[in-house]
């Protein structure tokens, strides 16, 4: 129900709550759905390095970039 809307996924390189293998498997599956819809540039993965948390400094620029593509102007 999300695709082709913008989606930014955020995870940690090492996270005690989720397996890295599971994260990449899920991301690959989601990205293949976006690709099939012709919206591969509407989906992004941000990988942080400090465990289970939101990586604001790394994520917001990616989210703004996706929004700029939709609106054609700076977010």
Protein backbone atom coordinates (compact mmCIF):
# COMPACT_ATOMS: atom_id res chain seq x y z
CA UNK A 1 0.00 0.00 0.00
CA UNK A 2 3.01 2.29 0.30
CA UNK A 3 4.53 1.99 -3.18
CA UNK A 4 4.99 4.20 -5.12
CA UNK A 5 4.85 6.75 -2.28
CA UNK A 6 8.18 7.91 -0.87
CA UNK A 7 9.70 5.52 1.64
CA UNK A 8 12.86 5.98 3.68
CA UNK A 9 13.88 2.95 5.70
CA UNK A 10 16.28 3.41 8.60
CA UNK A 11 18.30 0.69 10.29
CA UNK A 12 21.58 0.10 12.06
CA UNK A 13 24.52 -1.83 10.72
CA UNK A 14 24.38 -3.88 13.93
CA UNK A 15 21.09 -3.93 15.84
CA UNK A 16 20.30 -6.33 18.69
CA UNK A 17 16.57 -6.05 17.85
CA UNK A 18 16.81 -7.05 14.17
CA UNK A 19 19.11 -9.26 12.14
CA UNK A 20 21.16 -7.53 9.46
CA UNK A 21 20.34 -10.37 7.07
CA UNK A 22 16.61 -9.85 7.63
CA UNK A 23 16.89 -6.11 7.10
CA UNK A 24 18.67 -6.48 3.77
CA UNK A 25 16.34 -9.26 2.62
CA UNK A 26 13.30 -7.10 3.40
CA UNK A 27 14.87 -4.03 1.79
CA UNK A 28 15.67 -5.98 -1.39
CA UNK A 29 12.07 -7.19 -1.57
CA UNK A 30 10.65 -3.70 -1.05
CA UNK A 31 13.03 -2.20 -3.61
CA UNK A 32 12.02 -4.85 -6.17
CA UNK A 33 8.37 -3.85 -5.69
CA UNK A 34 9.25 -0.19 -6.22
CA UNK A 35 11.29 -1.13 -9.30
CA UNK A 36 8.37 -3.10 -10.75
CA UNK A 37 6.20 0.00 -10.33
CA UNK A 38 8.80 2.22 -12.02
CA UNK A 39 9.36 4.08 -8.75
CA UNK A 40 12.78 2.82 -7.67
CA UNK A 41 13.91 6.40 -7.01
CA UNK A 42 11.14 6.80 -4.39
CA UNK A 43 12.67 4.29 -1.98
CA UNK A 44 15.85 4.64 0.08
CA UNK A 45 17.69 2.85 2.86
CA UNK A 46 19.72 4.70 5.51
CA UNK A 47 22.17 2.63 7.55
CA UNK A 48 23.46 3.99 10.85
CA UNK A 49 26.30 2.68 12.99
CA UNK A 50 25.22 3.03 16.64
CA UNK A 51 22.58 0.37 17.19
CA UNK A 52 18.80 0.60 17.45
CA UNK A 53 17.78 4.25 17.09
CA UNK A 54 16.64 6.87 14.57
CA UNK A 55 19.54 8.43 12.65
CA UNK A 56 18.21 11.94 12.13
CA UNK A 57 21.39 13.51 10.75
CA UNK A 58 21.68 10.80 8.11
CA UNK A 59 17.96 10.36 7.39
CA UNK A 60 16.54 13.87 7.00
CA UNK A 61 18.70 14.77 3.96
CA UNK A 62 17.57 11.57 2.22
CA UNK A 63 13.92 12.28 3.01
CA UNK A 64 14.25 15.87 1.78
CA UNK A 65 15.82 14.61 -1.45
CA UNK A 66 12.88 12.28 -2.09
CA UNK A 67 10.41 15.07 -1.38
CA UNK A 68 12.25 17.46 -3.71
CA UNK A 69 11.86 14.97 -6.57
CA UNK A 70 8.07 15.00 -6.05
CA UNK A 71 7.63 18.72 -5.73
CA UNK A 72 10.47 19.96 -7.94
CA UNK A 73 11.51 22.40 -5.23
CA UNK A 74 13.58 22.35 -2.07
CA UNK A 75 11.87 20.82 0.96
